[in-house]
C-alpha atoms as a PDB file:
ATOM      1  CA  MET A   1     125.350  87.461  41.108  1.00  0.00           C
ATOM      2  CA  ALA A   2     129.135  86.701  39.658  1.00  0.00           C
ATOM      3  CA  LYS A   3     130.389  88.896  37.690  1.00  0.00           C
ATOM      4  CA  SER A   4     133.598  87.172  36.939  1.00  0.00           C
ATOM      5  CA  LEU A   5     134.463  84.007  38.304  1.00  0.00           C
ATOM      6  CA  LYS A   6     138.547  82.052  37.980  1.00  0.00           C
ATOM      7  CA  LEU A   7     138.376  78.451  38.083  1.00  0.00           C
ATOM      8  CA  PHE A   8     140.986  75.900  38.640  1.00  0.00           C
ATOM      9  CA  LEU A   9     140.614  72.106  37.311  1.00  0.00           C
ATOM     10  CA  ILE A  10     143.244  70.591  39.430  1.00  0.00           C
ATOM     11  CA  ARG A  11     144.070  66.253  39.392  1.00  0.00           C
ATOM     12  CA  HIS A  12     144.968  64.528  42.924  1.00  0.00           C
ATOM     13  CA  GLY A  13     148.881  63.728  43.503  1.00  0.00           C
ATOM     14  CA  GLU A  14     150.607  60.565  42.138  1.00  0.00           C
ATOM     15  CA  THR A  15     149.624  57.609  44.138  1.00  0.00           C
ATOM     16  CA  VAL A  16     150.421  54.874  45.726  1.00  0.00           C
ATOM     17  CA  ASP A  17     148.782  53.264  41.913  1.00  0.00           C
ATOM     18  CA  ASN A  18     149.493  55.648  39.933  1.00  0.00           C
ATOM     19  CA  VAL A  19     152.988  54.535  40.119  1.00  0.00           C
ATOM     20  CA  ALA A  20     152.427  50.510  40.362  1.00  0.00           C
ATOM     21  CA  GLN A  21     149.954  51.604  36.430  1.00  0.00           C
ATOM     22  CA  LEU A  22     147.060  49.612  38.724  1.00  0.00           C
ATOM     23  CA  LEU A  23     143.860  50.344  37.832  1.00  0.00           C
ATOM     24  CA  ALA A  24     142.045  52.746  40.578  1.00  0.00           C
ATOM     25  CA  GLY A  25     138.121  54.832  40.112  1.00  0.00           C
ATOM     26  CA  SER A  26     136.324  54.577  43.610  1.00  0.00           C
ATOM     27  CA  ARG A  27     139.571  52.759  44.772  1.00  0.00           C
ATOM     28  CA  ASP A  28     140.122  55.096  47.227  1.00  0.00           C
ATOM     29  CA  SER A  29     144.420  54.887  47.085  1.00  0.00           C
ATOM     30  CA  GLU A  30     146.664  57.512  48.916  1.00  0.00           C
ATOM     31  CA  LEU A  31     149.570  59.672  48.215  1.00  0.00           C
ATOM     32  CA  THR A  32     153.031  59.017  48.023  1.00  0.00           C
ATOM     33  CA  ASN A  33     155.213  60.924  49.578  1.00  0.00           C
ATOM     34  CA  HIS A  34     155.718  62.330  45.775  1.00  0.00           C
ATOM     35  CA  GLY A  35     152.141  63.042  45.337  1.00  0.00           C
ATOM     36  CA  TYR A  36     152.286  64.116  48.385  1.00  0.00           C
ATOM     37  CA  GLN A  37     155.081  67.398  47.948  1.00  0.00           C
ATOM     38  CA  GLN A  38     153.697  67.971  44.865  1.00  0.00           C
ATOM     39  CA  ALA A  39     150.148  68.780  46.442  1.00  0.00           C
ATOM     40  CA  THR A  40     152.472  70.688  49.057  1.00  0.00           C
ATOM     41  CA  ARG A  41     154.710  72.836  45.419  1.00  0.00           C
ATOM     42  CA  LEU A  42     150.756  73.697  44.092  1.00  0.00           C
ATOM     43  CA  GLY A  43     149.343  75.485  47.384  1.00  0.00           C
ATOM     44  CA  LEU A  44     152.748  77.430  48.040  1.00  0.00           C
ATOM     45  CA  HIS A  45     151.566  77.986  44.420  1.00  0.00           C
ATOM     46  CA  PHE A  46     148.538  78.692  44.062  1.00  0.00           C
ATOM     47  CA  ARG A  47     149.826  81.050  47.160  1.00  0.00           C
ATOM     48  CA  SER A  48     152.326  83.212  45.084  1.00  0.00           C
ATOM     49  CA  VAL A  49     150.570  84.340  42.327  1.00  0.00           C
ATOM     50  CA  GLY A  50     148.690  86.440  44.776  1.00  0.00           C
ATOM     51  CA  LEU A  51     145.821  83.798  44.652  1.00  0.00           C
ATOM     52  CA  GLU A  52     142.661  83.638  47.542  1.00  0.00           C
ATOM     53  CA  PHE A  53     140.337  81.096  46.773  1.00  0.00           C
ATOM     54  CA  THR A  54     137.090  82.138  47.302  1.00  0.00           C
ATOM     55  CA  HIS A  55     135.200  78.090  47.103  1.00  0.00           C
ATOM     56  CA  LEU A  56     137.451  74.826  47.678  1.00  0.00           C
ATOM     57  CA  PHE A  57     136.188  71.446  46.410  1.00  0.00           C
ATOM     58  CA  SER A  58     136.559  67.929  45.830  1.00  0.00           C
ATOM     59  CA  SER A  59     136.513  64.708  46.026  1.00  0.00           C
ATOM     60  CA  HIS A  60     135.520  62.888  48.151  1.00  0.00           C
ATOM     61  CA  LEU A  61     138.472  60.431  48.147  1.00  0.00           C
ATOM     62  CA  GLN A  62     141.258  60.994  49.268  1.00  0.00           C
ATOM     63  CA  ARG A  63     143.627  61.527  47.228  1.00  0.00           C
ATOM     64  CA  ALA A  64     141.959  64.486  46.689  1.00  0.00           C
ATOM     65  CA  VAL A  65     140.958  65.738  49.747  1.00  0.00           C
ATOM     66  CA  LYS A  66     144.513  65.981  51.011  1.00  0.00           C
ATOM     67  CA  THR A  67     145.700  67.165  47.673  1.00  0.00           C
ATOM     68  CA  ALA A  68     142.625  69.950  48.343  1.00  0.00           C
ATOM     69  CA  VAL A  69     143.956  70.537  51.746  1.00  0.00           C
ATOM     70  CA  LYS A  70     147.645  70.487  50.923  1.00  0.00           C
ATOM     71  CA  ILE A  71     146.600  74.275  48.320  1.00  0.00           C
ATOM     72  CA  ARG A  72     143.555  75.882  51.729  1.00  0.00           C
ATOM     73  CA  GLU A  73     146.833  74.974  53.674  1.00  0.00           C
ATOM     74  CA  GLY A  74     148.882  76.816  51.276  1.00  0.00           C
ATOM     75  CA  GLN A  75     146.832  79.415  51.842  1.00  0.00           C
ATOM     76  CA  LEU A  76     146.811  80.163  56.127  1.00  0.00           C
ATOM     77  CA  ALA A  77     149.931  80.937  55.146  1.00  0.00           C
ATOM     78  CA  SER A  78     149.172  83.459  53.367  1.00  0.00           C
ATOM     79  CA  THR A  79     150.806  86.722  54.560  1.00  0.00           C
ATOM     80  CA  ASP A  80     147.831  89.038  54.534  1.00  0.00           C
ATOM     81  CA  ASP A  81     146.186  90.181  56.527  1.00  0.00           C
ATOM     82  CA  GLU A  82     143.425  91.222  53.979  1.00  0.00           C
ATOM     83  CA  ILE A  83     143.120  86.938  53.297  1.00  0.00           C
ATOM     84  CA  LYS A  84     143.431  85.655  57.223  1.00  0.00           C
ATOM     85  CA  ALA A  85     140.643  88.744  58.466  1.00  0.00           C
ATOM     86  CA  ARG A  86     138.463  87.203  55.588  1.00  0.00           C
ATOM     87  CA  GLY A  87     139.207  83.501  56.199  1.00  0.00           C
ATOM     88  CA  VAL A  88     139.814  80.443  54.056  1.00  0.00           C
ATOM     89  CA  PRO A  89     136.876  78.199  53.991  1.00  0.00           C
ATOM     90  CA  GLU A  90     137.198  74.829  54.835  1.00  0.00           C
ATOM     91  CA  VAL A  91     137.220  71.708  51.517  1.00  0.00           C
ATOM     92  CA  VAL A  92     133.786  70.317  50.563  1.00  0.00           C
ATOM     93  CA  GLN A  93     134.343  67.030  50.143  1.00  0.00           C
ATOM     94  CA  LEU A  94     131.466  65.794  47.847  1.00  0.00           C
ATOM     95  CA  PRO A  95     130.258  61.881  46.189  1.00  0.00           C
ATOM     96  CA  LEU A  96     129.787  63.291  43.258  1.00  0.00           C
ATOM     97  CA  LEU A  97     134.197  64.666  42.626  1.00  0.00           C
ATOM     98  CA  THR A  98     135.327  61.110  42.229  1.00  0.00           C
ATOM     99  CA  GLU A  99     136.741  58.547  40.054  1.00  0.00           C
ATOM    100  CA  GLN A 100     135.058  56.583  37.199  1.00  0.00           C
ATOM    101  CA  ASP A 101     133.464  53.185  39.299  1.00  0.00           C
ATOM    102  CA  LEU A 102     135.739  50.565  37.878  1.00  0.00           C
ATOM    103  CA  GLY A 103     133.678  48.184  38.499  1.00  0.00           C
ATOM    104  CA  SER A 104     136.447  44.703  38.718  1.00  0.00           C
ATOM    105  CA  LEU A 105     138.831  46.721  37.436  1.00  0.00           C
ATOM    106  CA  GLU A 106     139.549  48.179  40.163  1.00  0.00           C
ATOM    107  CA  GLY A 107     142.776  47.955  41.510  1.00  0.00           C
ATOM    108  CA  LYS A 108     143.958  45.591  38.264  1.00  0.00           C
ATOM    109  CA  LYS A 109     146.954  46.245  35.644  1.00  0.00           C
ATOM    110  CA  TRP A 110     146.239  49.052  33.226  1.00  0.00           C
ATOM    111  CA  THR A 111     147.257  47.070  30.495  1.00  0.00           C
ATOM    112  CA  SER A 112     144.515  43.667  31.858  1.00  0.00           C
ATOM    113  CA  GLN A 113     142.008  42.592  29.879  1.00  0.00           C
ATOM    114  CA  PRO A 114     139.226  41.239  31.658  1.00  0.00           C
ATOM    115  CA  ALA A 115     137.722  38.984  29.104  1.00  0.00           C
ATOM    116  CA  ASP A 116     139.090  35.559  28.955  1.00  0.00           C
ATOM    117  CA  ALA A 117     140.643  34.187  25.442  1.00  0.00           C
ATOM    118  CA  SER A 118     137.556  33.894  23.647  1.00  0.00           C
ATOM    119  CA  GLY A 119     136.524  37.173  24.655  1.00  0.00           C
ATOM    120  CA  LYS A 120     133.462  35.633  26.817  1.00  0.00           C
ATOM    121  CA  VAL A 121     133.272  38.650  30.421  1.00  0.00           C
ATOM    122  CA  ALA A 122     133.005  36.681  33.902  1.00  0.00           C
ATOM    123  CA  ASP A 123     129.647  36.453  35.299  1.00  0.00           C
ATOM    124  CA  ASP A 124     130.404  38.302  38.604  1.00  0.00           C
ATOM    125  CA  PHE A 125     132.699  40.471  36.798  1.00  0.00           C
ATOM    126  CA  VAL A 126     130.948  44.004  38.194  1.00  0.00           C
ATOM    127  CA  ALA A 127     130.654  46.555  35.453  1.00  0.00           C
ATOM    128  CA  VAL A 128     131.903  49.888  34.857  1.00  0.00           C
ATOM    129  CA  GLU A 129     130.309  53.359  35.167  1.00  0.00           C
ATOM    130  CA  THR A 130     128.537  54.432  32.257  1.00  0.00           C
ATOM    131  CA  LYS A 131     129.766  57.948  30.435  1.00  0.00           C
ATOM    132  CA  GLU A 132     126.979  58.622  30.617  1.00  0.00           C
ATOM    133  CA  ALA A 133     125.895  57.953  34.373  1.00  0.00           C
ATOM    134  CA  MET A 134     130.181  60.256  35.375  1.00  0.00           C
ATOM    135  CA  GLY A 135     128.529  63.027  32.606  1.00  0.00           C
ATOM    136  CA  GLU A 136     125.204  63.141  35.393  1.00  0.00           C
ATOM    137  CA  ARG A 137     127.516  63.347  38.259  1.00  0.00           C
ATOM    138  CA  ALA A 138     129.431  66.341  36.417  1.00  0.00           C
ATOM    139  CA  ASP A 139     125.760  68.063  35.735  1.00  0.00           C
ATOM    140  CA  ALA A 140     124.656  67.212  39.508  1.00  0.00           C
ATOM    141  CA  PHE A 141     127.009  69.570  40.816  1.00  0.00           C
ATOM    142  CA  LEU A 142     127.180  72.319  38.135  1.00  0.00           C
ATOM    143  CA  ASP A 143     123.340  72.513  39.389  1.00  0.00           C
ATOM    144  CA  GLU A 144     123.825  72.058  43.325  1.00  0.00           C
ATOM    145  CA  TYR A 145     127.493  73.596  44.210  1.00  0.00           C
ATOM    146  CA  LEU A 146     128.719  75.856  41.016  1.00  0.00           C
ATOM    147  CA  MET A 147     125.358  77.782  39.308  1.00  0.00           C
ATOM    148  CA  PRO A 148     124.211  78.675  42.995  1.00  0.00           C
ATOM    149  CA  LEU A 149     127.165  80.410  43.378  1.00  0.00           C
ATOM    150  CA  VAL A 150     127.799  81.712  39.707  1.00  0.00           C
ATOM    151  CA  GLY A 151     123.496  83.387  40.111  1.00  0.00           C
ATOM    152  CA  SER A 152     123.552  84.569  43.731  1.00  0.00           C
ATOM    153  CA  SER A 153     122.909  87.681  44.945  1.00  0.00           C
ATOM    154  CA  SER A 154     125.185  87.790  48.480  1.00  0.00           C
ATOM    155  CA  ALA A 155     128.238  85.715  47.009  1.00  0.00           C
ATOM    156  CA  SER A 156     131.289  87.201  45.567  1.00  0.00           C
ATOM    157  CA  THR A 157     130.515  89.464  42.913  1.00  0.00           C
ATOM    158  CA  ASN A 158     134.698  87.539  42.085  1.00  0.00           C
ATOM    159  CA  LEU A 159     134.814  84.219  42.126  1.00  0.00           C
ATOM    160  CA  ILE A 160     138.111  82.140  43.105  1.00  0.00           C
ATOM    161  CA  ILE A 161     137.156  78.253  43.295  1.00  0.00           C
ATOM    162  CA  ALA A 162     139.713  75.766  43.595  1.00  0.00           C
ATOM    163  CA  ILE A 163     138.010  72.248  42.481  1.00  0.00           C
ATOM    164  CA  VAL A 164     140.319  69.226  42.812  1.00  0.00           C
ATOM    165  CA  SER A 165     139.258  65.887  40.700  1.00  0.00           C
ATOM    166  CA  HIS A 166     140.692  63.064  38.847  1.00  0.00           C
ATOM    167  CA  GLY A 167     141.835  62.299  35.537  1.00  0.00           C
ATOM    168  CA  ILE A 168     139.169  61.152  33.745  1.00  0.00           C
ATOM    169  CA  PHE A 169     136.348  63.139  35.627  1.00  0.00           C
ATOM    170  CA  LEU A 170     137.868  66.152  35.440  1.00  0.00           C
ATOM    171  CA  SER A 171     137.315  65.124  31.297  1.00  0.00           C
ATOM    172  CA  THR A 172     133.925  65.442  31.588  1.00  0.00           C
ATOM    173  CA  LEU A 173     133.005  67.743  33.941  1.00  0.00           C
ATOM    174  CA  TRP A 174     134.609  70.455  31.664  1.00  0.00           C
ATOM    175  CA  LYS A 175     133.003  69.143  28.457  1.00  0.00           C
ATOM    176  CA  ARG A 176     129.397  69.649  30.967  1.00  0.00           C
ATOM    177  CA  ILE A 177     130.771  73.251  31.896  1.00  0.00           C
ATOM    178  CA  LEU A 178     131.736  73.690  27.535  1.00  0.00           C
ATOM    179  CA  ARG A 179     127.852  72.436  26.966  1.00  0.00           C
ATOM    180  CA  ARG A 180     126.400  75.504  29.469  1.00  0.00           C
ATOM    181  CA  LEU A 181     128.727  77.869  27.331  1.00  0.00           C
ATOM    182  CA  PRO A 182     127.398  80.527  25.318  1.00  0.00           C
ATOM    183  CA  PRO A 183     128.476  79.461  21.087  1.00  0.00           C
ATOM    184  CA  LYS A 184     131.278  81.261  20.335  1.00  0.00           C
ATOM    185  CA  SER A 185     132.589  82.249  23.268  1.00  0.00           C
ATOM    186  CA  VAL A 186     136.055  80.876  24.663  1.00  0.00           C
ATOM    187  CA  THR A 187     138.334  81.950  23.319  1.00  0.00           C
ATOM    188  CA  LEU A 188     142.423  80.186  23.823  1.00  0.00           C
ATOM    189  CA  SER A 189     145.091  82.404  26.232  1.00  0.00           C
ATOM    190  CA  LEU A 190     148.627  83.416  23.859  1.00  0.00           C
ATOM    191  CA  ASP A 191     150.619  81.384  25.888  1.00  0.00           C
ATOM    192  CA  THR A 192     147.645  77.843  25.498  1.00  0.00           C
ATOM    193  CA  SER A 193     147.195  78.456  21.580  1.00  0.00           C
ATOM    194  CA  THR A 194     150.901  77.366  20.483  1.00  0.00           C
ATOM    195  CA  GLU A 195     150.033  73.839  20.085  1.00  0.00           C
ATOM    196  CA  PRO A 196     147.606  72.551  17.554  1.00  0.00           C
ATOM    197  CA  ARG A 197     144.268  71.021  18.949  1.00  0.00           C
ATOM    198  CA  PRO A 198     142.135  69.486  17.469  1.00  0.00           C
ATOM    199  CA  SER A 199     139.366  70.700  19.639  1.00  0.00           C
ATOM    200  CA  LEU A 200     137.567  72.720  22.321  1.00  0.00           C
ATOM    201  CA  GLU A 201     136.063  69.634  24.182  1.00  0.00           C
ATOM    202  CA  HIS A 202     139.982  67.029  24.008  1.00  0.00           C
ATOM    203  CA  LEU A 203     142.882  69.500  25.415  1.00  0.00           C
ATOM    204  CA  GLY A 204     145.024  67.113  26.344  1.00  0.00           C
ATOM    205  CA  GLY A 205     145.658  64.679  29.841  1.00  0.00           C
ATOM    206  CA  TRP A 206     145.889  66.276  34.091  1.00  0.00           C
ATOM    207  CA  SER A 207     149.141  65.231  35.553  1.00  0.00           C
ATOM    208  CA  ASN A 208     149.331  64.644  38.671  1.00  0.00           C
ATOM    209  CA  THR A 209     148.513  68.669  40.448  1.00  0.00           C
ATOM    210  CA  GLY A 210     148.341  69.501  36.984  1.00  0.00           C
ATOM    211  CA  TYR A 211     145.187  71.848  36.574  1.00  0.00           C
ATOM    212  CA  LEU A 212     142.540  73.362  33.742  1.00  0.00           C
ATOM    213  CA  GLU A 213     142.454  77.852  34.710  1.00  0.00           C
ATOM    214  CA  LEU A 214     139.969  79.042  33.202  1.00  0.00           C
ATOM    215  CA  ASP A 215     138.323  83.311  33.635  1.00  0.00           C
ATOM    216  CA  LEU A 216     134.959  84.013  32.845  1.00  0.00           C
ATOM    217  CA  THR A 217     134.054  87.088  32.820  1.00  0.00           C
ATOM    218  CA  ARG A 218     130.391  88.874  32.818  1.00  0.00           C
ATOM    219  CA  THR A 219     129.337  93.111  32.208  1.00  0.00           C
ATOM    220  CA  VAL A 220     126.868  95.063  34.326  1.00  0.00           C
ATOM    221  CA  ALA A 221     124.975  94.281  31.163  1.00  0.00           C
ATOM    222  CA  GLU A 222     125.037  91.292  30.494  1.00  0.00           C
ATOM    223  CA  VAL A 223     124.030  91.069  34.909  1.00  0.00           C
ATOM    224  CA  ALA A 224     120.963  92.946  34.104  1.00  0.00           C
ATOM    225  CA  GLN A 225     119.345  91.572  31.771  1.00  0.00           C
ATOM    226  CA  LEU A 226     120.139  88.412  34.125  1.00  0.00           C
ATOM    227  CA  CYS A 227     117.306  88.971  36.815  1.00  0.00           C
ATOM    228  CA  GLU A 228     114.924  87.220  35.853  1.00  0.00           C
ATOM    229  CA  PRO A 229     116.209  83.401  35.556  1.00  0.00           C
ATOM    230  CA  THR A 230     115.240  81.974  32.352  1.00  0.00           C
ATOM    231  CA  LEU A 231     116.676  77.639  32.453  1.00  0.00           C
ATOM    232  CA  VAL A 232     117.062  76.443  29.162  1.00  0.00           C
ATOM    233  CA  ARG A 233     118.150  73.067  29.265  1.00  0.00           C
ATOM    234  CA  PRO A 234     121.989  73.056  27.712  1.00  0.00           C
ATOM    235  CA  THR A 235     121.845  71.865  23.223  1.00  0.00           C
ATOM    236  CA  PRO A 236     121.510  67.559  23.516  1.00  0.00           C
ATOM    237  CA  SER A 237     125.324  66.618  22.018  1.00  0.00           C
ATOM    238  CA  PRO A 238     126.783  63.325  21.384  1.00  0.00           C
ATOM    239  CA  PRO A 239     128.320  61.467  24.201  1.00  0.00           C
ATOM    240  CA  VAL A 240     131.895  61.879  27.175  1.00  0.00           C
ATOM    241  CA  SER A 241     134.650  61.140  24.732  1.00  0.00           C
ATOM    242  CA  THR A 242     136.121  57.648  25.863  1.00  0.00           C
ATOM    243  CA  VAL A 243     139.888  57.817  27.543  1.00  0.00           C
ATOM    244  CA  GLU A 244     140.749  56.827  24.741  1.00  0.00           C
ATOM    245  CA  SER A 245     140.359  59.562  22.952  1.00  0.00           C
ATOM    246  CA  ALA A 246     141.997  60.744  25.767  1.00  0.00           C
ATOM    247  CA  ILE A 247     145.269  59.266  26.017  1.00  0.00           C
ATOM    248  CA  SER A 248     145.382  59.789  22.486  1.00  0.00           C
ATOM    249  CA  ASN A 249     145.728  63.753  22.992  1.00  0.00           C
ATOM    250  CA  ALA A 250     148.307  63.083  26.041  1.00  0.00           C
ATOM    251  CA  ALA A 251     150.714  60.873  23.788  1.00  0.00           C
ATOM    252  CA  ASN A 252     150.532  63.802  21.553  1.00  0.00           C
ATOM    253  CA  ASP A 253     151.678  66.635  23.850  1.00  0.00           C
ATOM    254  CA  GLU A 254     154.775  67.241  23.616  1.00  0.00           C
ATOM    255  CA  THR A 255     155.027  67.866  25.943  1.00  0.00           C
ATOM    256  CA  LEU A 256     154.337  64.218  27.521  1.00  0.00           C
ATOM    257  CA  THR A 257     156.439  61.353  27.570  1.00  0.00           C
ATOM    258  CA  VAL A 258     155.399  57.825  27.254  1.00  0.00           C
ATOM    259  CA  THR A 259     156.514  56.946  31.225  1.00  0.00           C
ATOM    260  CA  ASP A 260     153.773  59.798  32.055  1.00  0.00           C
ATOM    261  CA  LEU A 261     151.276  58.508  30.818  1.00  0.00           C
ATOM    262  CA  PRO A 262     150.010  56.620  32.881  1.00  0.00           C
ATOM    263  CA  GLN A 263     150.373  59.192  35.491  1.00  0.00           C
ATOM    264  CA  ALA A 264     149.265  62.126  32.687  1.00  0.00           C
ATOM    265  CA  VAL A 265     145.643  60.395  30.916  1.00  0.00           C
ATOM    266  CA  ALA A 266     144.702  58.877  34.252  1.00  0.00           C
ATOM    267  CA  SER A 267     145.444  55.398  35.239  1.00  0.00           C
ATOM    268  CA  ASP A 268     143.012  56.343  38.559  1.00  0.00           C
ATOM    269  CA  ALA A 269     140.048  55.139  35.545  1.00  0.00           C
ATOM    270  CA  VAL A 270     139.697  53.726  31.756  1.00  0.00           C
ATOM    271  CA  ALA A 271     136.492  53.998  30.040  1.00  0.00           C
ATOM    272  CA  VAL A 272     136.177  50.670  27.938  1.00  0.00           C
ATOM    273  CA  ASP A 273     133.712  50.997  25.507  1.00  0.00           C
ATOM    274  CA  ASN A 274     132.787  47.638  25.441  1.00  0.00           C
ATOM    275  CA  LEU A 275     132.642  47.188  28.602  1.00  0.00           C
ATOM    276  CA  PRO A 276     128.922  45.362  30.802  1.00  0.00           C
ATOM    277  CA  THR A 277     128.441  49.165  32.314  1.00  0.00           C
ATOM    278  CA  VAL A 278     126.503  50.247  35.193  1.00  0.00           C
ATOM    279  CA  GLY A 279     123.710  53.287  33.675  1.00  0.00           C
ATOM    280  CA  PRO A 280     122.723  56.459  35.546  1.00  0.00           C
ATOM    281  CA  ILE A 281     122.384  57.178  38.891  1.00  0.00           C
ATOM    282  CA  SER A 282     118.723  57.393  39.396  1.00  0.00           C
ATOM    283  CA  SER A 283     118.734  60.258  41.637  1.00  0.00           C
ATOM    284  CA  ILE A 284     120.767  62.422  39.868  1.00  0.00           C
ATOM    285  CA  ALA A 285     118.683  61.740  37.081  1.00  0.00           C
ATOM    286  CA  SER A 286     116.931  64.676  37.790  1.00  0.00           C
ATOM    287  CA  THR A 287     119.130  67.564  38.053  1.00  0.00           C
ATOM    288  CA  THR A 288     120.198  66.992  34.099  1.00  0.00           C
ATOM    289  CA  ASN A 289     117.148  70.173  32.955  1.00  0.00           C
ATOM    290  CA  SER A 290     120.300  72.789  33.801  1.00  0.00           C
ATOM    291  CA  GLY A 291     121.180  76.075  32.952  1.00  0.00           C
ATOM    292  CA  MET A 292     122.594  77.897  30.677  1.00  0.00           C
ATOM    293  CA  MET A 293     125.956  81.097  30.792  1.00  0.00           C
ATOM    294  CA  HIS A 294     124.363  83.491  28.675  1.00  0.00           C
ATOM    295  CA  GLY A 295     126.986  86.160  28.760  1.00  0.00           C
ATOM    296  CA  TRP A 296     128.956  84.921  29.869  1.00  0.00           C
ATOM    297  CA  THR A 297     132.733  85.472  27.898  1.00  0.00           C
ATOM    298  CA  THR A 298     135.382  82.644  28.649  1.00  0.00           C
ATOM    299  CA  ARG A 299     139.614  82.529  28.268  1.00  0.00           C
ATOM    300  CA  ILE A 300     141.675  79.490  28.777  1.00  0.00           C
ATOM    301  CA  LEU A 301     145.352  80.732  31.024  1.00  0.00           C
ATOM    302  CA  THR A 302     146.742  77.524  31.660  1.00  0.00           C
ATOM    303  CA  ILE A 303     146.573  73.411  30.613  1.00  0.00           C
ATOM    304  CA  ASN A 304     147.688  70.732  32.301  1.00  0.00           C
ATOM    305  CA  GLY A 305     149.428  73.511  34.261  1.00  0.00           C
ATOM    306  CA  LYS A 306     152.924  72.662  35.834  1.00  0.00           C
ATOM    307  CA  ASP A 307     155.200  75.488  36.912  1.00  0.00           C
ATOM    308  CA  HIS A 308     155.155  74.417  40.156  1.00  0.00           C
ATOM    309  CA  LEU A 309     156.548  71.036  39.524  1.00  0.00           C
ATOM    310  CA  LYS A 310     159.646  72.609  37.803  1.00  0.00           C
ATOM    311  CA  SER A 311     162.917  71.774  39.569  1.00  0.00           C
ATOM    312  CA  LEU A 312     161.257  68.892  42.428  1.00  0.00           C
ATOM    313  CA  LYS A 313     163.235  65.646  42.104  1.00  0.00           C
ATOM    314  CA  ARG A 314     161.803  62.552  43.341  1.00  0.00           C
ATOM    315  CA  THR A 315     164.091  61.308  46.500  1.00  0.00           C
ATOM    316  CA  GLY A 316     165.501  58.008  45.788  1.00  0.00           C
ATOM    317  CA  GLY A 317     166.326  55.157  47.447  1.00  0.00           C
ATOM    318  CA  GLY A 318     161.967  54.176  47.025  1.00  0.00           C
ATOM    319  CA  VAL A 319     161.048  57.166  49.354  1.00  0.00           C
ATOM    320  CA  GLY A 320     159.839  59.025  46.929  1.00  0.00           C
ATOM    321  CA  SER A 321     157.274  56.755  45.646  1.00  0.00           C
ATOM    322  CA  SER A 322     156.513  54.605  48.831  1.00  0.00           C
ATOM    323  CA  ARG A 323     153.120  56.351  50.735  1.00  0.00           C
ATOM    324  CA  HIS A 324     152.880  59.329  52.589  1.00  0.00           C
ATOM    325  CA  ASP A 325     152.470  58.474  56.341  1.00  0.00           C
ATOM    326  CA  ALA A 326     152.005  62.147  58.565  1.00  0.00           C
ATOM    327  CA  SER A 327     153.231  61.143  61.649  1.00  0.00           C
ATOM    328  CA  GLN A 328     156.385  60.717  59.839  1.00  0.00           C
ATOM    329  CA  LYS A 329     158.011  63.576  60.299  1.00  0.00           C
ATOM    330  CA  SER A 330     160.388  65.038  57.080  1.00  0.00           C
ATOM    331  CA  ILE A 331     164.286  65.977  57.598  1.00  0.00           C
ATOM    332  CA  GLU A 332     163.278  69.530  58.195  1.00  0.00           C
ATOM    333  CA  THR A 333     161.523  69.987  60.453  1.00  0.00           C
ATOM    334  CA  PHE A 334     163.984  66.613  62.451  1.00  0.00           C
ATOM    335  CA  PHE A 335     166.352  70.029  62.718  1.00  0.00           C
ATOM    336  CA  LYS A 336     164.626  72.513  63.219  1.00  0.00           C
ATOM    337  CA  ARG A 337     163.357  70.745  66.231  1.00  0.00           C
ATOM    338  CA  ARG A 338     167.143  70.151  67.330  1.00  0.00           C
ATOM    339  CA  LYS A 339     167.703  73.547  67.233  1.00  0.00           C
ATOM    340  CA  ILE A 340     164.150  74.406  69.274  1.00  0.00           C
ATOM    341  CA  GLU A 341     166.328  72.258  71.520  1.00  0.00           C
END
């Protein structure tokens, strides 16, 4: 059984829809050149602080996959012989980790209203995915992927896991993780407790490539007591908060500006309570009987980590905000080739 777990909940890099302030939930928006640089910086940052990921998970949408791939490439570039010998894990792409499906709101301006002047919703309006359905997807991921690693006798006793996803879904995933942790077992590190926060559930929004870093530990004695696994249904709690609360929290975060808000909270998607919604997916509903993480203590080390973005400037002339094209070579690559020739 794992005795320690470092968990990173990471938002993808900037996308063309983020720049245009368009809603992109299930919509497969592409990274901008600036977003690609953000992801590259993140991978190099993780390598520079000595992180050796044992598992990499991402949403199947390309903005998350490409961000996760840059994290993996940062690991591959390591000069540590032990890392090379052990190998770097592949990115596991999962539809379970995708963003909230916004139905008819996909691709619309994030300030758009679906109703007409009379307040009626069009007959052909496609419903928004419910908060409950997102919560069940989060539970399914935890039950099918995270919990087996934590409880496996064959897995490493020290896990370091990256989960690359989207702003609203990451907030939902964190709340679902929090439900499984023992009461009063979660603390904020000194570095993260300087700013007052309303609750552990509402830690604020995720900037592009921002990350929540969690350090979970379990003693040997606690592991011994858990040799006989017991499944306990998490204690029910109120439904996952809507993105409006996340927007409010992010707006109160002194590290963010008004212009940051669509990116920090996620113009990926917006939960709208008064719209028709799609109910939970029946194939996932049976996964909610999940285990509690008994015996674990958790420290929140970093909230919306952005140290890797210091000194990163957006390329001017509209280039930084343009769609990243992998076939285009950077100016550094051009000069390296000329030197070799």
